[in-house]
Amino acid sequence: MYKTQFYDAEFKAEIDSRHRRPSLPPQNVCWQPMRVGSFKLNVDVALDLKDGSRGVGILVCDSNSNLLRAVAIVAPGMLSVLATVLYAMKVGMSFAIDASCVPLVLESDSMNDVQLVQK
């Protein structure tokens, strides 16, 4: 029985070591209000896994969090999730700029996508 317990503990330790990811370093992130006179563009996408259809939601708010513009549209099908998010950002930025909502702060659920656009 001792050998079985040792094996089980060793096996568990090996499995745990393969599935653990190092912790991310702590970040000093805190909410900050927007600058007066700026606008926030928030985009989000939705995907129907049954038929593959995609939708895009776009909101533009002022520095007081008042909703100024909103639109929901169907996104092109057969795009990856990343491509759909980038499409939403492109349409959203055009939508906001056409409405003279600048300077503009872009916000999305995925920080990686926002950083990709900022580069």
C-alpha atoms as a PDB file:
ATOM      1  CA  MET A   1       0.000   0.000   0.000  1.00  0.00           C
ATOM      2  CA  TYR A   2       2.885   2.374   0.713  1.00  0.00           C
ATOM      3  CA  LYS A   3       4.155   2.035  -2.878  1.00  0.00           C
ATOM      4  CA  THR A   4       0.701   2.840  -4.235  1.00  0.00           C
ATOM      5  CA  GLN A   5       0.415   5.949  -2.087  1.00  0.00           C
ATOM      6  CA  PHE A   6       3.895   7.061  -3.138  1.00  0.00           C
ATOM      7  CA  TYR A   7       3.076   6.443  -6.791  1.00  0.00           C
ATOM      8  CA  ASP A   8      -0.215   8.330  -6.484  1.00  0.00           C
ATOM      9  CA  ALA A   9       1.507  11.303  -4.840  1.00  0.00           C
ATOM     10  CA  GLU A  10       4.299  11.296  -7.429  1.00  0.00           C
ATOM     11  CA  PHE A  11       1.788  11.021 -10.287  1.00  0.00           C
ATOM     12  CA  LYS A  12      -0.315  13.853  -8.862  1.00  0.00           C
ATOM     13  CA  ALA A  13       2.775  16.051  -8.454  1.00  0.00           C
ATOM     14  CA  GLU A  14       3.794  15.392 -12.064  1.00  0.00           C
ATOM     15  CA  ILE A  15       0.317  16.172 -13.390  1.00  0.00           C
ATOM     16  CA  ASP A  16       0.130  19.332 -11.279  1.00  0.00           C
ATOM     17  CA  SER A  17       3.528  20.505 -12.511  1.00  0.00           C
ATOM     18  CA  ARG A  18       2.449  20.121 -16.138  1.00  0.00           C
ATOM     19  CA  HIS A  19      -0.854  21.922 -15.699  1.00  0.00           C
ATOM     20  CA  ARG A  20       0.171  24.795 -13.485  1.00  0.00           C
ATOM     21  CA  ARG A  21       0.945  28.051 -15.115  1.00  0.00           C
ATOM     22  CA  PRO A  22       3.101  30.633 -13.424  1.00  0.00           C
ATOM     23  CA  SER A  23       1.120  33.393 -11.815  1.00  0.00           C
ATOM     24  CA  LEU A  24       0.967  36.651 -13.649  1.00  0.00           C
ATOM     25  CA  PRO A  25       2.777  39.487 -11.910  1.00  0.00           C
ATOM     26  CA  PRO A  26       0.447  41.794 -10.010  1.00  0.00           C
ATOM     27  CA  GLN A  27      -0.565  44.864 -11.942  1.00  0.00           C
ATOM     28  CA  ASN A  28      -1.367  48.273 -10.571  1.00  0.00           C
ATOM     29  CA  VAL A  29      -4.536  48.790 -12.548  1.00  0.00           C
ATOM     30  CA  CYS A  30      -7.238  51.069 -11.270  1.00  0.00           C
ATOM     31  CA  TRP A  31     -10.155  52.882 -12.789  1.00  0.00           C
ATOM     32  CA  GLN A  32      -9.519  56.424 -13.936  1.00  0.00           C
ATOM     33  CA  PRO A  33     -12.146  58.804 -15.243  1.00  0.00           C
ATOM     34  CA  MET A  34     -11.920  59.887 -18.860  1.00  0.00           C
ATOM     35  CA  ARG A  35     -10.610  63.315 -19.690  1.00  0.00           C
ATOM     36  CA  VAL A  36     -13.306  65.924 -20.155  1.00  0.00           C
ATOM     37  CA  GLY A  37     -14.111  66.311 -23.830  1.00  0.00           C
ATOM     38  CA  SER A  38     -13.027  62.799 -24.809  1.00  0.00           C
ATOM     39  CA  PHE A  39     -15.223  59.955 -26.014  1.00  0.00           C
ATOM     40  CA  LYS A  40     -15.241  56.228 -25.348  1.00  0.00           C
ATOM     41  CA  LEU A  41     -15.886  53.677 -28.058  1.00  0.00           C
ATOM     42  CA  ASN A  42     -16.926  50.281 -26.729  1.00  0.00           C
ATOM     43  CA  VAL A  43     -17.237  47.357 -29.124  1.00  0.00           C
ATOM     44  CA  ASP A  44     -18.362  43.800 -28.561  1.00  0.00           C
ATOM     45  CA  VAL A  45     -19.075  40.852 -30.806  1.00  0.00           C
ATOM     46  CA  ALA A  46     -21.446  37.919 -30.522  1.00  0.00           C
ATOM     47  CA  LEU A  47     -21.166  34.568 -32.252  1.00  0.00           C
ATOM     48  CA  ASP A  48     -23.877  31.977 -32.820  1.00  0.00           C
ATOM     49  CA  LEU A  49     -22.123  28.609 -32.723  1.00  0.00           C
ATOM     50  CA  LYS A  50     -25.051  26.843 -34.411  1.00  0.00           C
ATOM     51  CA  ASP A  51     -25.072  28.721 -37.694  1.00  0.00           C
ATOM     52  CA  GLY A  52     -21.843  30.745 -37.490  1.00  0.00           C
ATOM     53  CA  SER A  53     -23.547  34.124 -37.707  1.00  0.00           C
ATOM     54  CA  ARG A  54     -21.836  37.053 -36.015  1.00  0.00           C
ATOM     55  CA  GLY A  55     -23.069  40.345 -34.668  1.00  0.00           C
ATOM     56  CA  VAL A  56     -21.328  43.543 -33.631  1.00  0.00           C
ATOM     57  CA  GLY A  57     -22.405  46.037 -30.978  1.00  0.00           C
ATOM     58  CA  ILE A  58     -20.936  49.542 -30.903  1.00  0.00           C
ATOM     59  CA  LEU A  59     -21.442  52.238 -28.255  1.00  0.00           C
ATOM     60  CA  VAL A  60     -20.025  55.760 -28.084  1.00  0.00           C
ATOM     61  CA  CYS A  61     -20.203  57.609 -24.755  1.00  0.00           C
ATOM     62  CA  ASP A  62     -18.999  61.051 -23.715  1.00  0.00           C
ATOM     63  CA  SER A  63     -16.727  61.808 -20.755  1.00  0.00           C
ATOM     64  CA  ASN A  64     -19.795  61.932 -18.471  1.00  0.00           C
ATOM     65  CA  SER A  65     -20.778  58.378 -19.521  1.00  0.00           C
ATOM     66  CA  ASN A  66     -23.773  59.633 -21.502  1.00  0.00           C
ATOM     67  CA  LEU A  67     -24.648  57.357 -24.401  1.00  0.00           C
ATOM     68  CA  LEU A  68     -24.324  59.351 -27.629  1.00  0.00           C
ATOM     69  CA  ARG A  69     -24.457  56.744 -30.374  1.00  0.00           C
ATOM     70  CA  ALA A  70     -25.235  53.030 -30.569  1.00  0.00           C
ATOM     71  CA  VAL A  71     -25.464  50.551 -33.392  1.00  0.00           C
ATOM     72  CA  ALA A  72     -25.818  46.794 -33.785  1.00  0.00           C
ATOM     73  CA  ILE A  73     -25.003  45.184 -37.114  1.00  0.00           C
ATOM     74  CA  VAL A  74     -24.442  41.773 -38.630  1.00  0.00           C
ATOM     75  CA  ALA A  75     -20.752  41.062 -39.197  1.00  0.00           C
ATOM     76  CA  PRO A  76     -19.445  39.140 -42.197  1.00  0.00           C
ATOM     77  CA  GLY A  77     -19.554  35.371 -41.673  1.00  0.00           C
ATOM     78  CA  MET A  78     -16.645  32.987 -42.006  1.00  0.00           C
ATOM     79  CA  LEU A  79     -14.281  35.265 -40.069  1.00  0.00           C
ATOM     80  CA  SER A  80     -12.216  34.250 -37.081  1.00  0.00           C
ATOM     81  CA  VAL A  81     -13.181  35.740 -33.727  1.00  0.00           C
ATOM     82  CA  LEU A  82     -10.121  38.031 -33.889  1.00  0.00           C
ATOM     83  CA  ALA A  83     -11.055  39.197 -37.391  1.00  0.00           C
ATOM     84  CA  THR A  84     -14.620  39.862 -36.224  1.00  0.00           C
ATOM     85  CA  VAL A  85     -13.384  41.947 -33.272  1.00  0.00           C
ATOM     86  CA  LEU A  86     -11.029  43.903 -35.544  1.00  0.00           C
ATOM     87  CA  TYR A  87     -13.908  44.447 -37.978  1.00  0.00           C
ATOM     88  CA  ALA A  88     -16.025  45.770 -35.089  1.00  0.00           C
ATOM     89  CA  MET A  89     -13.228  48.148 -34.068  1.00  0.00           C
ATOM     90  CA  LYS A  90     -12.805  49.432 -37.631  1.00  0.00           C
ATOM     91  CA  VAL A  91     -16.530  50.020 -38.094  1.00  0.00           C
ATOM     92  CA  GLY A  92     -16.776  51.560 -34.621  1.00  0.00           C
ATOM     93  CA  MET A  93     -13.891  53.964 -35.178  1.00  0.00           C
ATOM     94  CA  SER A  94     -15.353  55.054 -38.525  1.00  0.00           C
ATOM     95  CA  PHE A  95     -18.772  55.443 -36.880  1.00  0.00           C
ATOM     96  CA  ALA A  96     -17.343  57.608 -34.061  1.00  0.00           C
ATOM     97  CA  ILE A  97     -15.107  59.727 -36.291  1.00  0.00           C
ATOM     98  CA  ASP A  98     -17.978  60.377 -38.735  1.00  0.00           C
ATOM     99  CA  ALA A  99     -19.988  61.657 -35.737  1.00  0.00           C
ATOM    100  CA  SER A 100     -17.046  63.928 -34.721  1.00  0.00           C
ATOM    101  CA  CYS A 101     -16.556  61.978 -31.474  1.00  0.00           C
ATOM    102  CA  VAL A 102     -12.838  62.654 -31.028  1.00  0.00           C
ATOM    103  CA  PRO A 103     -10.514  62.279 -29.164  1.00  0.00           C
ATOM    104  CA  LEU A 104     -11.512  58.653 -28.853  1.00  0.00           C
ATOM    105  CA  VAL A 105     -10.686  55.952 -26.295  1.00  0.00           C
ATOM    106  CA  LEU A 106     -11.159  52.402 -27.595  1.00  0.00           C
ATOM    107  CA  GLU A 107     -12.498  49.756 -25.208  1.00  0.00           C
ATOM    108  CA  SER A 108     -13.163  46.062 -25.739  1.00  0.00           C
ATOM    109  CA  ASP A 109     -13.353  42.813 -23.780  1.00  0.00           C
ATOM    110  CA  SER A 110      -9.950  41.786 -25.119  1.00  0.00           C
ATOM    111  CA  MET A 111      -6.978  43.933 -24.167  1.00  0.00           C
ATOM    112  CA  ASN A 112      -4.852  42.009 -26.691  1.00  0.00           C
ATOM    113  CA  ASP A 113      -7.110  43.112 -29.543  1.00  0.00           C
ATOM    114  CA  VAL A 114      -7.002  46.754 -28.417  1.00  0.00           C
ATOM    115  CA  GLN A 115      -3.205  46.630 -28.121  1.00  0.00           C
ATOM    116  CA  LEU A 116      -2.995  45.113 -31.602  1.00  0.00           C
ATOM    117  CA  VAL A 117      -4.925  48.078 -33.027  1.00  0.00           C
ATOM    118  CA  GLN A 118      -2.829  50.606 -31.084  1.00  0.00           C
ATOM    119  CA  LYS A 119       0.442  49.363 -32.608  1.00  0.00           C
END
